[in-house]
Amino acid sequence: MSLADFFDTSVRIWRPTSTITSPLGAERRDYEIVLEPAAPNAAVNRPTAPLGDKGPGLAPIGERRIYMAPETDVQARDVLELVAGPDAGQRFEVDEPPTRPGNDHVQLRCRFWEGDLTPLDVS
């Protein structure tokens, strides 16, 4: 049995390409697609929902672990869009640099993400 046998989700990877910061410190990012899936290319660990600091007190922060092939080009702050599979339609931001335990897969710690993935008009 290979790692790919566990993949049940197709993930499109978006990477921030530029950041625009307003004089008030608000930040907007532009994204581009770095991976368009041709087949299921990930497994999502669905039951993870640890508590974290969301403001006053602890609350579920929507964290998930996502596993992909070891050669996948993915970085911290990339946005993973689940385009097919049990959780299709959800988006996650890679929360920390990916780890490659045993060099047989890449493990991503992610949190739910909401935002606009359309390119910014910087003109």
Protein backbone atom coordinates (compact mmCIF):
# COMPACT_ATOMS: atom_id res chain seq x y z
CA MET A 1 0.00 0.00 0.00
CA SER A 2 1.41 3.41 -0.96
CA LEU A 3 0.82 6.85 0.49
CA ALA A 4 -1.34 7.80 -2.51
CA ASP A 5 -3.83 5.08 -1.52
CA PHE A 6 -4.85 7.25 1.44
CA PHE A 7 -5.46 10.39 -0.63
CA ASP A 8 -9.18 11.19 -0.92
CA THR A 9 -9.05 14.96 -1.45
CA SER A 10 -7.93 17.15 -4.35
CA VAL A 11 -6.16 20.31 -3.22
CA ARG A 12 -5.39 23.46 -5.22
CA ILE A 13 -2.47 25.39 -3.71
CA TRP A 14 -2.46 29.21 -3.80
CA ARG A 15 0.67 31.15 -2.88
CA PRO A 16 0.84 34.84 -1.86
CA THR A 17 2.77 36.78 -4.50
CA SER A 18 2.59 40.33 -3.21
CA THR A 19 1.34 42.22 -0.20
CA ILE A 20 -0.12 45.69 -0.11
CA THR A 21 -0.21 47.49 3.23
CA SER A 22 -2.36 50.55 3.71
CA PRO A 23 -1.16 53.59 5.68
CA LEU A 24 -3.30 52.28 8.55
CA GLY A 25 -1.53 48.91 8.56
CA ALA A 26 -4.27 46.86 6.86
CA GLU A 27 -2.78 44.12 4.71
CA ARG A 28 -4.08 42.67 1.45
CA ARG A 29 -2.38 39.89 -0.48
CA ASP A 30 -2.39 38.77 -4.09
CA TYR A 31 -2.36 34.99 -4.76
CA GLU A 32 -1.45 32.74 -7.67
CA ILE A 33 -2.05 29.03 -8.21
CA VAL A 34 1.10 26.91 -7.77
CA LEU A 35 -0.59 23.48 -7.95
CA GLU A 36 -3.70 22.47 -9.87
CA PRO A 37 -4.65 18.90 -8.89
CA ALA A 38 -5.15 16.25 -11.58
CA ALA A 39 -6.18 13.56 -9.06
CA PRO A 40 -6.68 13.26 -5.30
CA ASN A 41 -3.40 14.53 -3.86
CA ALA A 42 -4.02 14.87 -0.12
CA ALA A 43 -5.52 13.36 3.00
CA VAL A 44 -7.22 15.60 5.57
CA ASN A 45 -7.26 14.67 9.23
CA ARG A 46 -10.87 15.62 9.94
CA PRO A 47 -11.26 15.17 13.73
CA THR A 48 -8.61 17.68 14.83
CA ALA A 49 -10.17 20.72 16.48
CA PRO A 50 -7.87 21.91 19.29
CA LEU A 51 -8.62 24.87 21.48
CA GLY A 52 -6.69 28.07 21.00
CA ASP A 53 -6.75 31.73 21.91
CA LYS A 54 -9.26 33.47 19.61
CA GLY A 55 -9.54 36.56 21.77
CA PRO A 56 -11.05 36.51 25.23
CA GLY A 57 -10.79 32.86 26.31
CA LEU A 58 -10.19 29.60 24.49
CA ALA A 59 -12.32 28.39 21.57
CA PRO A 60 -12.01 25.84 18.75
CA ILE A 61 -9.64 27.33 16.16
CA GLY A 62 -10.47 25.02 13.26
CA GLU A 63 -7.04 23.48 12.97
CA ARG A 64 -6.48 20.50 10.67
CA ARG A 65 -3.55 18.32 9.61
CA ILE A 66 -3.21 17.76 5.89
CA TYR A 67 -0.88 15.15 4.41
CA MET A 68 0.53 15.28 0.86
CA ALA A 69 3.26 13.61 -1.23
CA PRO A 70 6.80 14.49 -0.06
CA GLU A 71 7.72 16.32 -3.29
CA THR A 72 4.74 18.73 -3.03
CA ASP A 73 5.78 22.39 -3.33
CA VAL A 74 4.04 23.93 -0.32
CA GLN A 75 5.11 26.68 2.09
CA ALA A 76 3.90 28.44 5.21
CA ARG A 77 1.12 30.97 4.40
CA ASP A 78 0.02 29.07 1.27
CA VAL A 79 -3.75 28.66 1.02
CA LEU A 80 -5.04 25.15 0.33
CA GLU A 81 -8.40 25.04 -1.43
CA LEU A 82 -10.11 21.65 -1.17
CA VAL A 83 -11.69 21.27 -4.62
CA ALA A 84 -12.91 17.65 -4.44
CA GLY A 85 -13.38 15.11 -1.68
CA PRO A 86 -15.25 14.85 1.63
CA ASP A 87 -14.46 18.45 2.68
CA ALA A 88 -14.67 20.13 -0.75
CA GLY A 89 -15.20 23.88 -0.62
CA GLN A 90 -13.16 24.49 2.52
CA ARG A 91 -9.96 26.55 2.55
CA PHE A 92 -7.03 26.34 4.93
CA GLU A 93 -3.90 28.42 5.40
CA VAL A 94 -0.65 26.57 6.13
CA ASP A 95 0.12 27.79 9.64
CA GLU A 96 3.79 26.83 9.97
CA PRO A 97 6.61 25.51 7.76
CA PRO A 98 5.79 22.01 6.45
CA THR A 99 7.44 18.99 8.05
CA ARG A 100 8.54 15.86 6.22
CA PRO A 101 8.69 13.08 8.83
CA GLY A 102 10.54 10.07 7.47
CA ASN A 103 10.72 11.81 4.04
CA ASP A 104 7.70 9.76 2.88
CA HIS A 105 5.09 12.56 3.12
CA VAL A 106 4.69 16.24 3.89
CA GLN A 107 2.65 17.13 6.96
CA LEU A 108 0.91 20.50 7.14
CA ARG A 109 -0.58 22.18 10.19
CA CYS A 110 -3.37 24.38 8.88
CA ARG A 111 -6.22 26.55 10.10
CA PHE A 112 -9.48 27.54 8.46
CA TRP A 113 -9.10 30.50 6.11
CA GLU A 114 -11.61 32.93 4.68
CA GLY A 115 -10.64 35.53 2.14
CA ASP A 116 -10.51 36.55 -1.48
CA LEU A 117 -8.24 34.64 -3.86
CA THR A 118 -8.82 36.92 -6.84
CA PRO A 119 -5.72 38.87 -7.96
CA LEU A 120 -5.42 42.44 -6.70
CA ASP A 121 -5.44 45.39 -9.08
CA VAL A 122 -2.38 47.36 -8.01
CA SER A 123 -2.55 50.00 -10.74
